[in-house]
Amino acid sequence: MNETNKKNCDLCGLTVEIDGFKLATKEAGEKHFCCEGCKGIYEMLHEDQLVTGADPLN
């Protein structure tokens, strides 16, 4: 990911340095996270909004 395409974590707001911590959601599309911890917390808080059948590793 180059400097112009960097996103902020959808949970804590830190810059996403590593592409790969993301989830597909029903209403908001794709969410990006800075780490596995933020991704896991978001999953627990919003499990009813996650797209089922999505690859859990992405």
N, C-alpha and C. Protein backbone atom coordinates (compact mmCIF):
# COMPACT_ATOMS: atom_id res chain seq x y z
N MET A 1 0.85 -1.17 0.00
CA MET A 1 0.00 0.00 0.00
C MET A 1 0.90 1.24 0.00
N ASN A 2 0.71 2.16 -0.94
CA ASN A 2 1.55 3.35 -0.94
C ASN A 2 0.94 4.44 -0.08
N GLU A 3 1.69 5.51 0.13
CA GLU A 3 1.29 6.57 1.06
C GLU A 3 -0.06 7.20 0.71
N THR A 4 -0.37 7.36 -0.57
CA THR A 4 -1.61 8.04 -0.97
C THR A 4 -2.84 7.17 -0.79
N ASN A 5 -2.66 5.85 -0.69
CA ASN A 5 -3.80 4.95 -0.58
C ASN A 5 -4.03 4.44 0.84
N LYS A 6 -3.28 4.92 1.81
CA LYS A 6 -3.43 4.42 3.18
C LYS A 6 -4.78 4.82 3.75
N LYS A 7 -5.36 3.90 4.48
CA LYS A 7 -6.66 4.10 5.11
C LYS A 7 -6.48 4.15 6.62
N ASN A 8 -7.49 4.63 7.30
CA ASN A 8 -7.49 4.61 8.76
C ASN A 8 -8.31 3.41 9.22
N CYS A 9 -7.91 2.85 10.34
CA CYS A 9 -8.61 1.72 10.94
C CYS A 9 -10.04 2.12 11.25
N ASP A 10 -10.99 1.25 10.87
CA ASP A 10 -12.41 1.54 11.11
C ASP A 10 -12.82 1.34 12.56
N LEU A 11 -11.90 0.91 13.42
CA LEU A 11 -12.22 0.80 14.85
C LEU A 11 -11.51 1.88 15.66
N CYS A 12 -10.18 1.94 15.56
CA CYS A 12 -9.43 2.86 16.43
C CYS A 12 -8.93 4.12 15.73
N GLY A 13 -8.92 4.12 14.40
CA GLY A 13 -8.51 5.31 13.67
C GLY A 13 -7.04 5.39 13.31
N LEU A 14 -6.22 4.42 13.77
CA LEU A 14 -4.80 4.43 13.39
C LEU A 14 -4.66 4.13 11.90
N THR A 15 -3.52 4.51 11.34
CA THR A 15 -3.25 4.23 9.93
C THR A 15 -3.10 2.73 9.71
N VAL A 16 -3.73 2.22 8.65
CA VAL A 16 -3.62 0.81 8.28
C VAL A 16 -2.31 0.65 7.52
N GLU A 17 -1.34 0.00 8.14
CA GLU A 17 -0.02 -0.19 7.55
C GLU A 17 0.07 -1.50 6.76
N ILE A 18 -0.71 -2.51 7.16
CA ILE A 18 -0.66 -3.83 6.54
C ILE A 18 -2.02 -4.14 5.94
N ASP A 19 -2.05 -4.36 4.64
CA ASP A 19 -3.31 -4.72 3.98
C ASP A 19 -3.61 -6.18 4.30
N GLY A 20 -4.82 -6.49 4.63
CA GLY A 20 -5.18 -7.87 4.92
C GLY A 20 -6.13 -8.01 6.08
N PHE A 21 -6.17 -7.03 6.96
CA PHE A 21 -7.10 -7.07 8.09
C PHE A 21 -8.37 -6.33 7.65
N LYS A 22 -9.27 -7.04 6.96
CA LYS A 22 -10.49 -6.41 6.49
C LYS A 22 -11.67 -7.36 6.59
N LEU A 23 -12.86 -6.78 6.62
CA LEU A 23 -14.10 -7.54 6.71
C LEU A 23 -15.11 -6.95 5.73
N ALA A 24 -15.97 -7.81 5.21
CA ALA A 24 -17.07 -7.36 4.37
C ALA A 24 -18.31 -7.22 5.24
N THR A 25 -18.97 -6.05 5.16
CA THR A 25 -20.19 -5.82 5.93
C THR A 25 -21.36 -5.58 5.00
N LYS A 26 -22.56 -5.84 5.50
CA LYS A 26 -23.78 -5.72 4.69
C LYS A 26 -24.08 -4.29 4.30
N GLU A 27 -23.95 -3.35 5.22
CA GLU A 27 -24.38 -1.98 4.96
C GLU A 27 -23.23 -1.05 4.58
N ALA A 28 -22.06 -1.25 5.16
CA ALA A 28 -20.96 -0.30 4.97
C ALA A 28 -19.90 -0.78 3.97
N GLY A 29 -20.09 -1.93 3.36
CA GLY A 29 -19.09 -2.43 2.43
C GLY A 29 -17.90 -3.02 3.15
N GLU A 30 -16.71 -2.72 2.67
CA GLU A 30 -15.50 -3.29 3.23
C GLU A 30 -14.92 -2.41 4.33
N LYS A 31 -14.60 -3.02 5.46
CA LYS A 31 -13.99 -2.33 6.59
C LYS A 31 -12.52 -2.74 6.67
N HIS A 32 -11.65 -1.79 7.00
CA HIS A 32 -10.21 -2.03 7.09
C HIS A 32 -9.74 -1.79 8.53
N PHE A 33 -8.80 -2.63 8.99
CA PHE A 33 -8.31 -2.55 10.36
C PHE A 33 -6.79 -2.56 10.40
N CYS A 34 -6.23 -1.95 11.45
CA CYS A 34 -4.77 -1.84 11.58
C CYS A 34 -4.16 -3.12 12.12
N CYS A 35 -4.96 -3.97 12.79
CA CYS A 35 -4.41 -5.19 13.39
C CYS A 35 -5.52 -6.22 13.60
N GLU A 36 -5.11 -7.43 13.93
CA GLU A 36 -6.05 -8.53 14.18
C GLU A 36 -6.93 -8.23 15.39
N GLY A 37 -6.40 -7.51 16.38
CA GLY A 37 -7.18 -7.17 17.57
C GLY A 37 -8.37 -6.29 17.25
N CYS A 38 -8.14 -5.24 16.48
CA CYS A 38 -9.24 -4.34 16.09
C CYS A 38 -10.26 -5.08 15.24
N LYS A 39 -9.77 -5.92 14.33
CA LYS A 39 -10.68 -6.70 13.49
C LYS A 39 -11.55 -7.62 14.35
N GLY A 40 -10.94 -8.29 15.32
CA GLY A 40 -11.68 -9.20 16.19
C GLY A 40 -12.71 -8.49 17.05
N ILE A 41 -12.34 -7.34 17.59
CA ILE A 41 -13.29 -6.56 18.40
C ILE A 41 -14.47 -6.11 17.55
N TYR A 42 -14.18 -5.63 16.33
CA TYR A 42 -15.26 -5.20 15.44
C TYR A 42 -16.19 -6.37 15.12
N GLU A 43 -15.60 -7.55 14.87
CA GLU A 43 -16.40 -8.75 14.59
C GLU A 43 -17.35 -9.06 15.75
N MET A 44 -16.85 -8.98 16.98
CA MET A 44 -17.69 -9.28 18.14
C MET A 44 -18.82 -8.25 18.31
N LEU A 45 -18.51 -6.99 18.07
CA LEU A 45 -19.50 -5.93 18.27
C LEU A 45 -20.53 -5.84 17.16
N HIS A 46 -20.18 -6.30 15.96
CA HIS A 46 -21.05 -6.12 14.80
C HIS A 46 -21.29 -7.41 14.04
N GLU A 47 -21.31 -8.55 14.73
CA GLU A 47 -21.42 -9.82 14.02
C GLU A 47 -22.70 -9.95 13.21
N ASP A 48 -23.76 -9.22 13.56
CA ASP A 48 -25.00 -9.28 12.81
C ASP A 48 -24.92 -8.53 11.48
N GLN A 49 -23.90 -7.70 11.30
CA GLN A 49 -23.76 -6.93 10.07
C GLN A 49 -22.70 -7.49 9.12
N LEU A 50 -22.02 -8.57 9.51
CA LEU A 50 -20.97 -9.13 8.67
C LEU A 50 -21.59 -9.97 7.55
N VAL A 51 -20.96 -9.95 6.39
CA VAL A 51 -21.40 -10.77 5.27
C VAL A 51 -20.99 -12.20 5.56
N THR A 52 -21.94 -13.10 5.59
CA THR A 52 -21.63 -14.51 5.87
C THR A 52 -21.05 -15.14 4.62
N GLY A 53 -20.18 -16.11 4.83
CA GLY A 53 -19.53 -16.80 3.72
C GLY A 53 -18.28 -16.10 3.26
N ALA A 54 -17.94 -14.96 3.86
CA ALA A 54 -16.71 -14.27 3.50
C ALA A 54 -15.52 -15.01 4.08
N ASP A 55 -14.41 -14.94 3.43
CA ASP A 55 -13.19 -15.59 3.90
C ASP A 55 -12.76 -14.96 5.21
N PRO A 56 -12.72 -15.70 6.32
CA PRO A 56 -12.40 -15.12 7.62
C PRO A 56 -10.94 -14.66 7.73
N LEU A 57 -10.08 -15.06 6.82
CA LEU A 57 -8.68 -14.67 6.89
C LEU A 57 -8.42 -13.33 6.22
N ASN A 58 -9.34 -12.82 5.50
CA ASN A 58 -9.16 -11.53 4.81
C ASN A 58 -9.78 -10.41 5.55
